[in-house]
Amino acid sequence: MTSQYLIPIVATVGLYAVYHLVKMVQKDNTHPLRDLPGPKGGNFLIGHYRKLFQNHSVTDKWGEEFGTNYQLRGLFNRRELYTTDTKALTHILVNDDIYQKGHVSHKIVTNLLGNGICVVVPYSCHSSSYKGLLSVEETEHKRQRKIVNPAFGVPQIRGLTEIFNKKSVQLRNIWIREIGDSGSSRIDIFGWLRKMTLDVIGEAGFNYQFNALDPNGEINELEEALTRLMHSPQSHRQSVIRLLQAEIPILSFLPTPGAKIMDEARGKMMEIARQLLVNSQADIKAGGISATKRDLLSLLVQSNAIRGIQEDQRLNDTDVNLSVETSLTSWTNTHVSIATALALHALSLHPSVQSKLREELLSLATDDPTMDELNSFPYLENVVREVMRVYPPVAFSRREAMEDDVLPLSKLYLDRNGKSYDTISPERWDATSDAVSAIPSVWGNLLTFLAGPHNCIGFRFSIVEIKSLLFTLLRTFEFAPALPEDMIEIRPTPVLRPTLRTEPKGGNQLPLIVRPYLST
């Protein structure tokens, strides 16, 4: 009797599987990318993503072999285009109505960062009832951007520079105490920079004191949760799991490593976000936000409350609350901490560049430079641009075509550049070629902060904070490698994360030998 029901069920499932397999093979054989060159192999389940997540320079090697346009294998071995062609990138980023972030990107970032306005990470967020600033398109995007933009203008970032400097000096003093009388010390600079960026986003972003840099303070619960979520030894494996869960939703219901950690971290962020919003709204009701309050949340709440804005154009409490939650994760997870850590790493490997930059920074007789003074250092600008070029904090960004389209290309041949592009050389930015000037971007002729309507709204905040850190630390310390260069592995997940080959269970870290700078 059982077989009467079981056989038809098994047969139906089998036929369904065969049908989809045939469709998959047929689609693969007729795919428009089928004749495009690309690396061989690729795992059937996750394609070439494993190689992408293991080594940030693997795309450079593939680019040397296949040029600026080649195909990779994505989830379930699907064909995907990987392009660095400037004309194609401009077309993709400008035509955001055609090229949008797919549901996989939406799901991953929603689970990881929250549902709010992504002000730093160039990815999207979404939920069934609300879409974040970098996930929505056209009218909705313009509405949200109009409210948020004033908080990230040049005058606002100029006013926050004092906070960047204060926290940079606090970090400097901690390292001075850690070195003590020993003359030098091996310091995990990435771990400390994550603490510093958390303190900065607390004060500059929300007028909130996390005190992550306070050596006498209690363990910060949010910092601990974020560290376990983003930087534990299991974080790379969890990235792959999140990728598969986004593609196969039913996997989200299975108990997986890191799920509890993610829930705890998100819960703590939501708790803090709600309280921060309540505090800012209370200030508004009490007669307006004081002129001394320069944090971005206060400016956002103030901008949203301006008379003359139609009610349907305002952000509701859910919008603002979720944007705080997203910002807490994204700001402490991406550009500033990883870019500064990799800048110091690069400078430790190139002592002549380090010395030249230090000499320029010592020419200013103050520990509290203004934003304009930081931006007036030409070699500092070159170094930051060069580090962002070699080590882009976010290694790649995915887009899906919503309709058939033809990508324009700047060239159809494989370029052979005689100059060494994979080494640190800040001087290359002294004079840029027409090809470099043609790169679409909002800063530095680089795609670090993307371009087009969905560019990174917080790019000024990040750049000035990075410059403040380098200004303070390089005037005080010399940096040297703690390990041979090949012992340090930099993985994109897709945010770059440094790990040690010698300590695979040590989580994300980047140790350097730090010693006081002694002028001669």
Protein backbone atom coordinates (compact mmCIF):
# COMPACT_ATOMS: atom_id res chain seq x y z
CA MET A 1 0.00 0.00 0.00
CA THR A 2 2.84 2.33 0.90
CA SER A 3 4.52 1.73 -2.47
CA GLN A 4 1.36 2.89 -4.25
CA TYR A 5 1.97 6.38 -2.86
CA LEU A 6 5.76 6.32 -2.61
CA ILE A 7 6.56 5.34 -6.20
CA PRO A 8 4.55 8.19 -7.80
CA ILE A 9 6.05 10.70 -5.36
CA VAL A 10 9.62 9.56 -6.02
CA ALA A 11 8.95 9.50 -9.77
CA THR A 12 7.50 13.01 -9.69
CA VAL A 13 10.43 14.39 -7.70
CA GLY A 14 12.86 12.61 -10.04
CA LEU A 15 11.20 13.99 -13.16
CA TYR A 16 11.14 17.48 -11.62
CA ALA A 17 14.86 17.26 -10.89
CA VAL A 18 15.65 15.97 -14.39
CA TYR A 19 13.51 18.73 -15.93
CA HIS A 20 15.39 21.46 -14.07
CA LEU A 21 18.74 19.84 -14.81
CA VAL A 22 17.94 19.79 -18.53
CA LYS A 23 16.84 23.44 -18.37
CA MET A 24 20.04 24.36 -16.53
CA VAL A 25 22.23 22.62 -19.12
CA GLN A 26 20.27 24.15 -22.00
CA LYS A 27 20.54 27.64 -20.51
CA ASP A 28 24.26 27.18 -19.91
CA ASN A 29 24.88 26.05 -23.50
CA THR A 30 23.00 29.01 -24.97
CA HIS A 31 24.23 31.63 -22.48
CA PRO A 32 25.50 34.89 -24.09
CA LEU A 33 28.73 34.60 -22.07
CA ARG A 34 29.50 31.06 -23.26
CA ASP A 35 32.28 32.16 -25.66
CA LEU A 36 33.90 34.60 -23.23
CA PRO A 37 37.20 33.35 -21.74
CA GLY A 38 37.59 32.75 -18.04
CA PRO A 39 39.23 30.55 -15.42
CA LYS A 40 38.59 26.84 -15.58
CA GLY A 41 37.03 24.71 -12.91
CA GLY A 42 34.79 26.07 -10.22
CA ASN A 43 32.84 24.25 -7.55
CA PHE A 44 29.36 23.20 -8.74
CA LEU A 45 27.81 24.64 -5.58
CA ILE A 46 29.67 27.96 -5.21
CA GLY A 47 31.55 28.28 -8.50
CA HIS A 48 34.69 30.42 -8.25
CA TYR A 49 33.47 32.24 -5.14
CA ARG A 50 35.70 30.15 -2.90
CA LYS A 51 38.79 31.37 -4.75
CA LEU A 52 37.47 34.94 -4.68
CA PHE A 53 36.93 34.78 -0.93
CA GLN A 54 40.35 33.23 -0.24
CA ASN A 55 42.62 35.66 -2.07
CA HIS A 56 41.98 39.31 -2.92
CA SER A 57 44.62 39.31 -5.70
CA VAL A 58 43.25 36.34 -7.65
CA THR A 59 41.26 38.66 -9.92
CA ASP A 60 44.51 40.45 -10.81
CA LYS A 61 45.95 37.14 -12.03
CA TRP A 62 42.81 36.37 -14.00
CA GLY A 63 42.87 39.89 -15.45
CA GLU A 64 46.42 39.39 -16.70
CA GLU A 65 45.33 36.23 -18.50
CA PHE A 66 41.86 37.14 -19.77
CA GLY A 67 41.75 40.95 -19.88
CA THR A 68 39.18 43.38 -18.49
CA ASN A 69 36.15 41.22 -19.33
CA TYR A 70 35.90 37.53 -18.52
CA GLN A 71 33.40 35.06 -17.11
CA LEU A 72 33.35 33.44 -13.71
CA ARG A 73 31.19 30.69 -12.32
CA GLY A 74 28.83 31.80 -9.57
CA LEU A 75 26.40 29.91 -7.37
CA PHE A 76 25.42 26.54 -8.86
CA ASN A 77 28.08 27.11 -11.52
CA ARG A 78 26.09 29.86 -13.25
CA ARG A 79 27.98 32.05 -15.70
CA GLU A 80 28.70 35.60 -14.49
CA LEU A 81 30.52 38.50 -16.12
CA TYR A 82 33.46 40.04 -14.28
CA THR A 83 34.44 43.41 -15.76
CA THR A 84 36.91 46.16 -14.97
CA ASP A 85 36.33 47.93 -18.29
CA THR A 86 35.76 51.60 -17.46
CA LYS A 87 33.22 52.19 -20.22
CA ALA A 88 31.22 49.11 -19.23
CA LEU A 89 31.37 50.07 -15.54
CA THR A 90 30.18 53.59 -16.29
CA HIS A 91 27.24 52.19 -18.25
CA ILE A 92 26.34 49.76 -15.44
CA LEU A 93 26.57 52.28 -12.60
CA VAL A 94 24.75 55.09 -14.39
CA ASN A 95 21.90 52.89 -15.68
CA ASP A 96 20.80 51.74 -12.25
CA ASP A 97 17.27 51.13 -13.50
CA ILE A 98 18.62 48.24 -15.60
CA TYR A 99 21.49 47.04 -13.44
CA GLN A 100 20.28 46.47 -9.91
CA LYS A 101 21.47 44.58 -6.88
CA GLY A 102 20.03 41.09 -7.04
CA HIS A 103 18.05 39.31 -4.35
CA VAL A 104 21.15 37.44 -3.15
CA SER A 105 22.98 40.69 -2.35
CA HIS A 106 19.81 42.05 -0.74
CA LYS A 107 19.39 39.04 1.50
CA ILE A 108 23.01 38.76 2.61
CA VAL A 109 23.34 42.40 3.61
CA THR A 110 19.92 42.50 5.25
CA ASN A 111 20.85 39.55 7.46
CA LEU A 112 24.27 40.96 8.23
CA LEU A 113 23.80 44.73 8.45
CA GLY A 114 20.11 45.30 8.97
CA ASN A 115 17.33 46.88 6.95
CA GLY A 116 18.37 50.49 7.11
CA ILE A 117 19.96 53.23 5.07
CA CYS A 118 23.42 51.92 4.15
CA VAL A 119 25.59 54.99 4.45
CA VAL A 120 28.97 53.37 3.95
CA VAL A 121 28.79 49.89 2.53
CA PRO A 122 28.04 50.04 -1.21
CA TYR A 123 25.44 47.34 -1.02
CA SER A 124 21.70 47.32 -0.58
CA CYS A 125 19.34 46.52 2.25
CA HIS A 126 15.73 45.54 2.12
CA SER A 127 12.76 44.17 3.98
CA SER A 128 9.17 43.44 3.09
CA SER A 129 8.05 46.83 4.37
CA TYR A 130 11.07 49.04 3.94
CA LYS A 131 13.91 49.41 1.51
CA GLY A 132 17.19 51.05 2.47
CA LEU A 133 18.80 53.94 0.67
CA LEU A 134 21.13 51.85 -1.47
CA SER A 135 18.59 49.22 -2.41
CA VAL A 136 15.73 51.33 -3.67
CA GLU A 137 15.58 52.76 -7.14
CA GLU A 138 14.56 56.01 -8.80
CA THR A 139 11.84 57.97 -6.94
CA GLU A 140 12.21 56.25 -3.57
CA HIS A 141 15.99 56.55 -3.70
CA LYS A 142 15.82 60.26 -4.52
CA ARG A 143 13.40 60.84 -1.62
CA GLN A 144 15.67 59.21 0.94
CA ARG A 145 18.86 60.72 -0.47
CA LYS A 146 17.37 64.22 -0.31
CA ILE A 147 16.80 63.87 3.44
CA VAL A 148 20.13 62.19 4.22
CA ASN A 149 22.48 64.27 2.02
CA PRO A 150 22.74 67.34 4.31
CA ALA A 151 24.23 65.23 7.12
CA PHE A 152 27.18 64.26 4.89
CA GLY A 153 28.07 67.61 3.35
CA VAL A 154 31.50 69.23 3.49
CA PRO A 155 30.61 71.61 6.38
CA GLN A 156 29.30 68.70 8.47
CA ILE A 157 32.41 66.54 7.95
CA ARG A 158 34.61 69.57 8.63
CA GLY A 159 32.90 69.89 12.01
CA LEU A 160 33.48 66.20 12.82
CA THR A 161 37.24 66.28 12.16
CA GLU A 162 37.91 67.28 15.76
CA ILE A 163 36.33 64.00 16.90
CA PHE A 164 38.45 62.01 14.43
CA ASN A 165 41.58 63.69 15.79
CA LYS A 166 40.61 63.18 19.43
CA LYS A 167 40.04 59.45 18.98
CA SER A 168 43.23 59.10 16.92
CA VAL A 169 45.21 60.71 19.74
CA GLN A 170 43.51 58.42 22.28
CA LEU A 171 44.59 55.38 20.23
CA ARG A 172 48.11 56.81 19.91
CA ASN A 173 48.38 57.20 23.69
CA ILE A 174 47.24 53.60 24.25
CA TRP A 175 49.98 52.34 21.94
CA ILE A 176 52.56 54.52 23.71
CA ARG A 177 51.62 52.91 27.02
CA GLU A 178 51.66 49.44 25.45
CA ILE A 179 55.20 49.96 24.15
CA GLY A 180 56.36 51.39 27.47
CA ASP A 181 60.11 51.16 28.02
CA SER A 182 60.58 48.13 25.76
CA GLY A 183 61.37 50.24 22.71
CA SER A 184 58.92 48.38 20.46
CA SER A 185 55.91 46.11 20.63
CA ARG A 186 54.01 43.70 18.40
CA ILE A 187 50.52 45.19 18.15
CA ASP A 188 47.44 43.87 16.37
CA ILE A 189 46.68 47.17 14.67
CA PHE A 190 43.49 45.88 13.02
CA GLY A 191 41.94 44.95 16.36
CA TRP A 192 42.68 48.38 17.83
CA LEU A 193 41.51 50.23 14.73
CA ARG A 194 38.16 48.44 14.93
CA LYS A 195 37.78 49.73 18.49
CA MET A 196 38.68 53.24 17.39
CA THR A 197 36.18 53.27 14.51
CA LEU A 198 33.43 52.03 16.84
CA ASP A 199 34.13 54.93 19.20
CA VAL A 200 34.13 57.39 16.29
CA ILE A 201 30.81 56.23 14.86
CA GLY A 202 29.37 56.34 18.37
CA GLU A 203 30.32 59.96 18.99
CA ALA A 204 30.43 61.42 15.46
CA GLY A 205 27.50 59.40 14.19
CA PHE A 206 25.13 59.29 17.16
CA ASN A 207 26.51 61.36 20.06
CA TYR A 208 26.94 58.09 21.96
CA GLN A 209 29.94 56.89 23.97
CA PHE A 210 30.88 53.24 23.36
CA ASN A 211 34.21 53.67 25.20
CA ALA A 212 35.75 50.80 23.26
CA LEU A 213 39.18 52.46 23.64
CA ASP A 214 38.79 52.93 27.39
CA PRO A 215 41.35 50.53 28.96
CA ASN A 216 39.58 50.74 32.32
CA GLY A 217 36.07 50.31 30.97
CA GLU A 218 33.97 47.20 30.91
CA ILE A 219 33.92 44.94 27.86
CA ASN A 220 31.71 46.62 25.29
CA GLU A 221 28.87 44.24 24.43
CA LEU A 222 28.38 45.60 20.91
CA GLU A 223 32.08 45.43 20.09
CA GLU A 224 32.25 41.87 21.38
CA ALA A 225 29.19 40.86 19.34
CA LEU A 226 30.53 42.48 16.16
CA THR A 227 33.93 40.83 16.63
CA ARG A 228 32.35 37.40 16.97
CA LEU A 229 30.11 38.07 13.97
CA MET A 230 32.66 39.59 11.58
CA HIS A 231 36.14 38.63 12.69
CA SER A 232 36.09 35.21 14.36
CA PRO A 233 37.95 32.23 12.83
CA GLN A 234 34.59 30.99 11.52
CA SER A 235 33.61 34.27 9.83
CA HIS A 236 34.88 33.20 6.39
CA ARG A 237 32.91 29.95 6.50
CA GLN A 238 29.86 31.86 7.68
CA SER A 239 30.15 34.15 4.63
CA VAL A 240 29.75 31.16 2.31
CA ILE A 241 26.84 29.86 4.40
CA ARG A 242 25.08 33.25 4.16
CA LEU A 243 25.62 33.19 0.40
CA LEU A 244 23.92 29.80 0.08
CA GLN A 245 21.10 30.79 2.46
CA ALA A 246 20.36 33.84 0.31
CA GLU A 247 20.08 31.64 -2.78
CA ILE A 248 18.20 28.78 -1.08
CA PRO A 249 15.89 30.38 1.54
CA ILE A 250 14.93 27.06 3.14
CA LEU A 251 18.53 26.75 4.41
CA SER A 252 17.85 29.75 6.67
CA PHE A 253 15.65 27.53 8.84
CA LEU A 254 18.45 25.06 9.49
CA PRO A 255 20.68 25.53 12.56
CA THR A 256 23.98 26.82 11.19
CA PRO A 257 27.21 28.01 12.84
CA GLY A 258 27.04 31.71 13.63
CA ALA A 259 23.24 32.05 13.49
CA LYS A 260 22.96 32.64 17.25
CA ILE A 261 25.88 35.08 17.19
CA MET A 262 24.22 37.03 14.36
CA ASP A 263 20.91 37.20 16.21
CA GLU A 264 22.63 38.41 19.40
CA ALA A 265 24.59 41.09 17.54
CA ARG A 266 21.53 42.31 15.65
CA GLY A 267 19.51 42.37 18.88
CA LYS A 268 22.11 44.52 20.61
CA MET A 269 22.29 46.89 17.65
CA MET A 270 18.51 47.29 17.52
CA GLU A 271 18.41 48.01 21.25
CA ILE A 272 21.02 50.76 20.92
CA ALA A 273 19.45 52.14 17.72
CA ARG A 274 16.05 52.57 19.36
CA GLN A 275 17.53 54.45 22.30
CA LEU A 276 19.62 56.73 20.08
CA LEU A 277 16.59 57.72 18.02
CA VAL A 278 14.51 58.38 21.14
CA ASN A 279 17.25 60.67 22.50
CA SER A 280 17.53 62.70 19.29
CA GLN A 281 13.76 63.07 18.94
CA ALA A 282 13.56 64.23 22.56
CA ASP A 283 16.07 66.98 21.75
CA ILE A 284 13.92 68.14 18.84
CA LYS A 285 10.78 68.28 20.99
CA ALA A 286 12.65 70.17 23.71
CA GLY A 287 13.34 73.04 21.38
CA GLY A 288 15.67 71.83 18.67
CA ILE A 289 19.08 70.24 18.53
CA SER A 290 21.86 72.32 20.05
CA ALA A 291 24.39 73.85 17.68
CA THR A 292 27.09 72.01 19.63
CA LYS A 293 25.64 68.66 18.54
CA ARG A 294 27.36 67.74 15.31
CA ASP A 295 26.63 64.02 15.16
CA LEU A 296 25.09 62.70 11.96
CA LEU A 297 21.96 61.29 13.58
CA SER A 298 21.07 64.67 15.10
CA LEU A 299 21.61 66.32 11.72
CA LEU A 300 19.49 63.64 10.03
CA VAL A 301 16.63 64.03 12.51
CA GLN A 302 16.86 67.80 12.17
CA SER A 303 16.86 67.62 8.37
CA ASN A 304 13.87 65.28 8.43
CA ALA A 305 11.94 67.68 10.67
CA ILE A 306 12.43 70.81 8.54
CA ARG A 307 9.21 72.63 7.72
CA GLY A 308 8.23 72.63 4.10
CA ILE A 309 8.93 68.95 3.48
CA GLN A 310 5.80 67.09 2.48
CA GLU A 311 4.81 64.32 4.86
CA ASP A 312 5.14 61.63 2.21
CA GLN A 313 8.71 62.80 1.61
CA ARG A 314 9.84 62.40 5.23
CA LEU A 315 11.58 59.33 6.64
CA ASN A 316 9.48 57.58 9.25
CA ASP A 317 10.82 56.29 12.56
CA THR A 318 11.35 52.84 11.09
CA ASP A 319 13.50 54.29 8.30
CA VAL A 320 15.72 56.25 10.68
CA ASN A 321 15.86 53.54 13.33
CA LEU A 322 16.94 50.88 10.85
CA SER A 323 19.51 53.22 9.32
CA VAL A 324 21.17 53.54 12.74
CA GLU A 325 21.32 49.76 13.08
CA THR A 326 22.89 49.42 9.63
CA SER A 327 25.42 52.17 10.28
CA LEU A 328 26.62 50.61 13.52
CA THR A 329 27.71 47.53 11.59
CA SER A 330 28.84 49.03 8.31
CA TRP A 331 30.99 51.82 9.74
CA THR A 332 32.85 49.49 12.08
CA ASN A 333 33.18 46.78 9.44
CA THR A 334 34.54 48.39 6.33
CA HIS A 335 36.48 51.28 4.91
CA VAL A 336 38.17 53.08 7.78
CA SER A 337 39.51 50.26 9.95
CA ILE A 338 40.57 47.95 7.12
CA ALA A 339 41.89 50.75 4.88
CA THR A 340 43.99 52.27 7.67
CA ALA A 341 45.28 48.87 8.76
CA LEU A 342 46.29 47.97 5.20
CA ALA A 343 47.82 51.43 4.71
CA LEU A 344 50.07 50.89 7.74
CA HIS A 345 50.80 47.36 6.50
CA ALA A 346 51.83 48.73 3.09
CA LEU A 347 53.94 51.47 4.67
CA SER A 348 55.71 48.90 6.86
CA LEU A 349 56.74 47.09 3.66
CA HIS A 350 57.88 50.33 1.99
CA PRO A 351 59.94 52.26 4.58
CA SER A 352 60.99 54.94 2.07
CA VAL A 353 57.34 55.79 1.38
CA GLN A 354 56.67 55.78 5.13
CA SER A 355 59.55 58.19 5.77
CA LYS A 356 58.52 60.54 2.97
CA LEU A 357 54.95 60.68 4.22
CA ARG A 358 56.03 61.22 7.82
CA GLU A 359 58.25 64.11 6.77
CA GLU A 360 55.29 65.79 5.06
CA LEU A 361 52.98 65.28 8.05
CA LEU A 362 55.54 66.63 10.54
CA SER A 363 55.60 69.92 8.65
CA LEU A 364 52.36 70.93 10.39
CA ALA A 365 52.88 72.03 13.99
CA THR A 366 49.65 70.78 15.55
CA ASP A 367 48.08 67.57 16.81
CA ASP A 368 44.62 68.77 15.83
CA PRO A 369 44.58 69.51 12.08
CA THR A 370 41.46 70.76 10.34
CA MET A 371 39.85 68.88 7.48
CA ASP A 372 41.26 71.43 5.04
CA GLU A 373 44.76 70.99 6.45
CA LEU A 374 44.53 67.21 6.12
CA ASN A 375 43.37 67.59 2.53
CA SER A 376 46.24 69.99 1.77
CA PHE A 377 48.92 67.26 2.05
CA PRO A 378 49.54 66.07 -1.54
CA TYR A 379 51.59 63.00 -0.62
CA LEU A 380 49.06 61.91 2.01
CA GLU A 381 46.38 62.13 -0.67
CA ASN A 382 48.54 60.03 -3.00
CA VAL A 383 49.18 57.39 -0.34
CA VAL A 384 45.50 57.04 0.55
CA ARG A 385 44.54 56.77 -3.11
CA GLU A 386 47.27 54.20 -3.76
CA VAL A 387 46.26 52.05 -0.80
CA MET A 388 42.62 52.19 -1.88
CA ARG A 389 43.71 51.16 -5.38
CA VAL A 390 45.78 48.15 -4.29
CA TYR A 391 43.59 47.17 -1.32
CA PRO A 392 40.00 48.27 -2.04
CA PRO A 393 38.15 47.60 1.25
CA VAL A 394 35.14 46.23 -0.63
CA ALA A 395 36.62 44.04 -3.34
CA PHE A 396 33.67 43.73 -5.71
CA SER A 397 30.03 44.70 -6.16
CA ARG A 398 27.39 42.56 -7.85
CA ARG A 399 24.70 43.75 -10.25
CA GLU A 400 21.99 41.86 -12.15
CA ALA A 401 20.54 43.00 -15.48
CA MET A 402 16.78 43.44 -15.20
CA GLU A 403 16.42 43.39 -19.00
CA ASP A 404 18.47 42.55 -22.08
CA ASP A 405 21.17 45.11 -22.75
CA VAL A 406 24.45 45.56 -24.65
CA LEU A 407 27.51 46.72 -22.71
CA PRO A 408 29.79 49.21 -24.47
CA LEU A 409 33.51 48.44 -24.15
CA SER A 410 36.45 50.81 -24.20
CA LYS A 411 38.67 48.26 -25.97
CA LEU A 412 38.46 44.76 -27.38
CA TYR A 413 42.06 43.74 -26.80
CA LEU A 414 44.12 42.53 -23.85
CA ASP A 415 46.10 45.46 -22.48
CA ARG A 416 49.74 45.00 -21.53
CA ASN A 417 50.82 47.77 -19.18
CA GLY A 418 54.57 47.95 -18.77
CA LYS A 419 54.26 49.70 -15.42
CA SER A 420 53.95 47.61 -12.29
CA TYR A 421 50.37 48.07 -11.16
CA ASP A 422 50.46 45.60 -8.26
CA THR A 423 53.07 47.46 -6.19
CA ILE A 424 52.67 50.48 -3.92
CA SER A 425 53.79 53.64 -5.72
CA PRO A 426 52.06 56.83 -4.52
CA GLU A 427 54.00 58.86 -7.08
CA ARG A 428 51.87 57.40 -9.88
CA TRP A 429 49.14 59.84 -8.78
CA ASP A 430 51.28 62.93 -9.38
CA ALA A 431 50.05 62.95 -12.97
CA THR A 432 47.10 60.87 -14.11
CA SER A 433 46.45 59.74 -17.66
CA ASP A 434 43.26 60.29 -19.62
CA ALA A 435 42.36 56.64 -19.02
CA VAL A 436 42.53 57.16 -15.26
CA SER A 437 40.49 60.35 -15.48
CA ALA A 438 37.80 58.41 -17.34
CA ILE A 439 37.20 56.06 -14.41
CA PRO A 440 33.74 56.77 -12.95
CA SER A 441 33.99 57.70 -9.28
CA VAL A 442 33.05 60.20 -6.59
CA TRP A 443 36.60 60.35 -5.21
CA GLY A 444 40.15 59.86 -6.41
CA ASN A 445 39.44 58.31 -9.84
CA LEU A 446 38.77 55.05 -8.01
CA LEU A 447 35.70 52.87 -7.64
CA THR A 448 36.28 52.42 -3.92
CA PHE A 449 33.10 54.37 -3.21
CA LEU A 450 31.40 53.47 -6.50
CA ALA A 451 29.81 56.05 -8.79
CA GLY A 452 26.47 57.00 -10.28
CA PRO A 453 23.22 57.59 -8.36
CA HIS A 454 24.06 54.91 -5.77
CA ASN A 455 27.55 56.10 -4.85
CA CYS A 456 28.66 55.85 -1.24
CA ILE A 457 27.16 58.81 0.58
CA GLY A 458 29.67 58.60 3.46
CA PHE A 459 32.88 58.78 1.42
CA ARG A 460 34.03 62.13 2.85
CA PHE A 461 33.55 60.86 6.40
CA SER A 462 35.72 57.81 5.66
CA ILE A 463 38.52 59.62 3.83
CA VAL A 464 38.97 62.37 6.43
CA GLU A 465 38.94 59.83 9.28
CA ILE A 466 41.60 57.72 7.53
CA LYS A 467 43.77 60.79 6.97
CA SER A 468 43.37 61.85 10.61
CA LEU A 469 44.52 58.42 11.80
CA LEU A 470 47.54 58.32 9.49
CA PHE A 471 48.47 61.89 10.45
CA THR A 472 48.47 61.11 14.18
CA LEU A 473 50.04 57.65 14.10
CA LEU A 474 52.84 58.27 11.60
CA ARG A 475 54.04 61.39 13.40
CA THR A 476 54.51 59.29 16.54
CA PHE A 477 55.47 55.77 15.43
CA GLU A 478 57.50 53.77 12.97
CA PHE A 479 55.92 50.61 11.60
CA ALA A 480 57.72 47.43 10.54
CA PRO A 481 56.47 43.97 9.52
CA ALA A 482 55.92 41.50 12.36
CA LEU A 483 55.87 38.56 9.93
CA PRO A 484 57.06 37.85 6.38
CA GLU A 485 54.65 39.31 3.84
CA ASP A 486 53.60 35.90 2.53
CA MET A 487 52.43 34.90 6.02
CA ILE A 488 49.65 37.51 5.86
CA GLU A 489 46.57 36.53 3.89
CA ILE A 490 44.04 39.16 2.83
CA ARG A 491 40.64 37.69 2.00
CA PRO A 492 37.65 39.44 0.42
CA THR A 493 34.31 38.28 1.86
CA PRO A 494 33.63 40.66 -0.01
CA VAL A 495 35.06 43.10 2.58
CA LEU A 496 38.83 42.59 2.86
CA ARG A 497 39.92 40.86 6.06
CA PRO A 498 43.54 40.20 7.09
CA THR A 499 44.40 36.83 8.64
CA LEU A 500 47.62 34.98 9.45
CA ARG A 501 48.57 31.74 7.73
CA THR A 502 50.48 30.82 10.89
CA GLU A 503 47.37 31.29 13.07
CA PRO A 504 44.35 30.02 11.08
CA LYS A 505 42.26 29.85 14.27
CA GLY A 506 43.23 33.34 15.40
CA GLY A 507 40.52 35.21 13.52
CA ASN A 508 41.07 38.46 11.65
CA GLN A 509 44.22 40.28 12.75
CA LEU A 510 47.14 42.26 11.37
CA PRO A 511 50.14 42.53 13.72
CA LEU A 512 52.94 45.03 13.11
CA ILE A 513 56.05 45.97 15.05
CA VAL A 514 55.41 49.47 16.39
CA ARG A 515 58.17 51.62 17.84
CA PRO A 516 58.34 55.33 18.75
CA TYR A 517 59.64 57.58 16.01
CA LEU A 518 62.87 59.27 17.02
CA SER A 519 63.76 62.28 14.89
CA THR A 520 67.40 62.60 13.89
